[in-house]
Amino acid sequence: MLKQIFISLGTNIEPREGRLAQARELLRAEEPLDWQESKVYETEPWGETCQAKFLNQAVGFQSERTPHELLKLCKDIEKKMGRQKRDKWKEREIDLDLLYCGSSITSDENLTLPHPYITQREFVLKPLLDIAPNFIDPQSGKPVSEMLEQLHH
C-alpha cells in the first residue's frame, strides 16, 4: 500500500548544493512517485554549534516500502555519498533523516517514527511546510504548520 513519505536532507560540507542535488537524484531514482521537494534553506548548526552552516531541504514521495526499508535506502545513499562516521551533531557530508512513513508510529533500536526531534527543529519543519503544510503528525495530531508555529512561541 502506498504511503506518504517525508525525508529531511542536510549537509554542511562543500560542495553543499552539489551534495543535496546528488542525494535528491539518488532518492528520486529509487522513489519517483509523486515526487516533491522544498526550497533549500541555509541554517545554523543544531546541537554542536561551532561548525559551518547547513543547507537543508525536505522531499516527499509515495512509496510501498516499509519504514525499515526506507531507513536502509537512506543509509545506503549516505554511504554511497561518502558519509563519514562522526560524533552526534557534527558536520555531515550528507544526512538523510526519515521523518514520516505515512501514519506509522514505531520505535526500536534502529528507528523512531515520527522522527523524534521534528518538533524542535525549524530546519526540518520549515522545508516540510513548503511541501506538506497540512500533513498531520500521527503522534501529536497536529499539522506541520501548527508545529512550526508552536516552535516560535
Protein backbone atom coordinates (compact mmCIF):
# COMPACT_ATOMS: atom_id res chain seq x y z
CA MET A 1 0.00 0.00 0.00
CA LEU A 2 1.27 3.47 -0.90
CA LYS A 3 2.21 5.76 1.97
CA GLN A 4 3.28 9.39 2.02
CA ILE A 5 6.98 9.59 2.87
CA PHE A 6 8.95 12.64 4.01
CA ILE A 7 12.72 12.81 4.31
CA SER A 8 14.92 15.64 5.54
CA LEU A 9 18.22 16.26 3.72
CA GLY A 10 21.12 18.23 5.13
CA THR A 11 24.80 18.93 4.55
CA ASN A 12 27.40 21.43 5.72
CA ILE A 13 30.45 20.16 3.85
CA GLU A 14 31.20 21.72 0.45
CA PRO A 15 30.06 21.42 -2.23
CA ARG A 16 26.80 21.70 -0.29
CA GLU A 17 24.48 22.37 -3.26
CA GLY A 18 26.04 19.52 -5.22
CA ARG A 19 25.66 17.11 -2.34
CA LEU A 20 21.95 17.96 -1.92
CA ALA A 21 21.39 17.59 -5.66
CA GLN A 22 23.11 14.19 -5.71
CA ALA A 23 21.08 12.97 -2.72
CA ARG A 24 17.84 14.08 -4.40
CA GLU A 25 18.81 12.34 -7.64
CA LEU A 26 19.67 9.09 -5.87
CA LEU A 27 16.43 9.14 -3.86
CA ARG A 28 14.27 10.07 -6.82
CA ALA A 29 15.80 7.31 -8.94
CA GLU A 30 14.52 4.83 -6.32
CA GLU A 31 11.26 6.59 -5.41
CA PRO A 32 9.91 8.71 -8.29
CA LEU A 33 6.18 8.56 -7.46
CA ASP A 34 4.53 11.93 -6.68
CA TRP A 35 7.95 13.48 -6.04
CA GLN A 36 8.00 16.81 -4.18
CA GLU A 37 10.87 18.93 -2.95
CA SER A 38 11.06 22.05 -0.82
CA LYS A 39 13.21 25.09 -1.34
CA VAL A 40 16.75 24.83 0.02
CA TYR A 41 17.38 26.67 3.29
CA GLU A 42 20.69 27.73 4.82
CA THR A 43 20.51 27.11 8.55
CA GLU A 44 22.59 27.38 11.69
CA PRO A 45 24.00 24.11 13.05
CA TRP A 46 21.92 22.40 15.75
CA GLY A 47 23.33 20.63 18.78
CA GLU A 48 27.01 21.29 18.04
CA THR A 49 27.06 24.96 17.03
CA CYS A 50 30.78 25.54 16.27
CA GLN A 51 30.72 24.41 12.65
CA ALA A 52 29.72 25.59 9.17
CA LYS A 53 26.11 26.40 8.29
CA PHE A 54 23.95 23.69 6.80
CA LEU A 55 21.84 23.53 3.69
CA ASN A 56 18.56 21.75 4.45
CA GLN A 57 15.70 20.54 2.32
CA ALA A 58 12.71 18.23 2.60
CA VAL A 59 11.48 15.80 -0.03
CA GLY A 60 8.28 13.83 -0.22
CA PHE A 61 7.02 10.94 -2.32
CA GLN A 62 4.68 7.96 -2.31
CA SER A 63 6.13 4.53 -1.55
CA GLU A 64 5.16 0.99 -0.67
CA ARG A 65 8.42 0.40 1.22
CA THR A 66 8.32 -0.32 4.93
CA PRO A 67 9.88 2.16 7.37
CA HIS A 68 12.93 -0.08 7.81
CA GLU A 69 13.36 -0.48 4.04
CA LEU A 70 13.28 3.32 3.71
CA LEU A 71 15.80 3.70 6.54
CA LYS A 72 18.10 1.25 4.72
CA LEU A 73 17.68 3.24 1.49
CA CYS A 74 18.68 6.45 3.31
CA LYS A 75 21.71 4.80 4.94
CA ASP A 76 22.78 3.25 1.61
CA ILE A 77 22.65 6.67 -0.10
CA GLU A 78 24.62 8.28 2.75
CA LYS A 79 27.26 5.54 2.43
CA LYS A 80 27.37 5.84 -1.38
CA MET A 81 27.92 9.61 -0.98
CA GLY A 82 30.85 9.07 1.39
CA ARG A 83 29.32 9.99 4.73
CA GLN A 84 31.92 9.60 7.47
CA LYS A 85 31.21 8.31 10.96
CA ARG A 86 31.42 11.26 13.39
CA ASP A 87 30.11 12.20 16.80
CA LYS A 88 26.46 13.15 17.08
CA TRP A 89 25.56 16.59 15.63
CA LYS A 90 28.94 17.08 13.95
CA GLU A 91 29.45 18.09 10.33
CA ARG A 92 27.89 15.90 7.65
CA GLU A 93 28.73 15.15 4.05
CA ILE A 94 25.04 14.26 3.77
CA ASP A 95 22.33 13.46 6.28
CA LEU A 96 19.08 11.79 5.27
CA ASP A 97 16.52 11.55 8.07
CA LEU A 98 13.31 9.62 7.60
CA LEU A 99 10.70 11.93 9.11
CA TYR A 100 7.41 10.21 8.32
CA CYS A 101 6.26 6.99 6.70
CA GLY A 102 2.53 7.59 6.32
CA SER A 103 0.94 7.39 9.75
CA SER A 104 3.45 4.85 11.09
CA ILE A 105 4.47 5.21 14.71
CA THR A 106 7.36 2.94 15.60
CA SER A 107 10.30 2.83 17.95
CA ASP A 108 13.09 0.26 18.13
CA GLU A 109 16.87 0.30 18.42
CA ASN A 110 17.27 1.36 14.77
CA LEU A 111 14.33 3.64 14.01
CA THR A 112 11.89 6.00 15.69
CA LEU A 113 8.95 7.36 13.70
CA PRO A 114 7.91 10.07 13.54
CA HIS A 115 11.47 11.35 13.80
CA PRO A 116 11.98 12.21 17.50
CA TYR A 117 13.29 15.78 17.02
CA ILE A 118 10.84 17.12 14.41
CA THR A 119 9.01 19.44 16.80
CA GLN A 120 12.32 21.01 17.97
CA ARG A 121 13.88 21.63 14.58
CA GLU A 122 12.95 24.62 12.46
CA PHE A 123 15.43 23.39 9.83
CA VAL A 124 13.16 20.35 9.38
CA LEU A 125 9.74 21.97 9.81
CA LYS A 126 10.31 24.99 7.55
CA PRO A 127 11.23 22.93 4.45
CA LEU A 128 8.47 20.44 5.30
CA LEU A 129 6.00 23.32 5.39
CA ASP A 130 6.82 24.03 1.71
CA ILE A 131 5.61 20.62 0.56
CA ALA A 132 3.24 19.41 3.30
CA PRO A 133 1.75 22.25 5.39
CA ASN A 134 -1.36 20.22 6.19
CA PHE A 135 0.29 16.85 6.80
CA ILE A 136 -0.87 15.62 10.20
CA ASP A 137 1.80 14.32 12.55
CA PRO A 138 0.45 10.90 13.61
CA GLN A 139 1.80 11.26 17.14
CA SER A 140 0.67 14.78 18.07
CA GLY A 141 -2.31 15.01 15.72
CA LYS A 142 -1.08 18.46 14.63
CA PRO A 143 -0.39 19.69 11.10
CA VAL A 144 3.15 20.72 10.16
CA SER A 145 2.09 24.38 10.01
CA GLU A 146 0.92 24.29 13.64
CA MET A 147 4.07 22.50 14.84
CA LEU A 148 6.24 25.23 13.24
CA GLU A 149 4.05 27.96 14.73
CA GLN A 150 4.40 26.40 18.20
CA LEU A 151 8.18 26.25 17.82
CA HIS A 152 8.20 30.05 17.56
CA HIS A 153 6.24 30.53 20.79
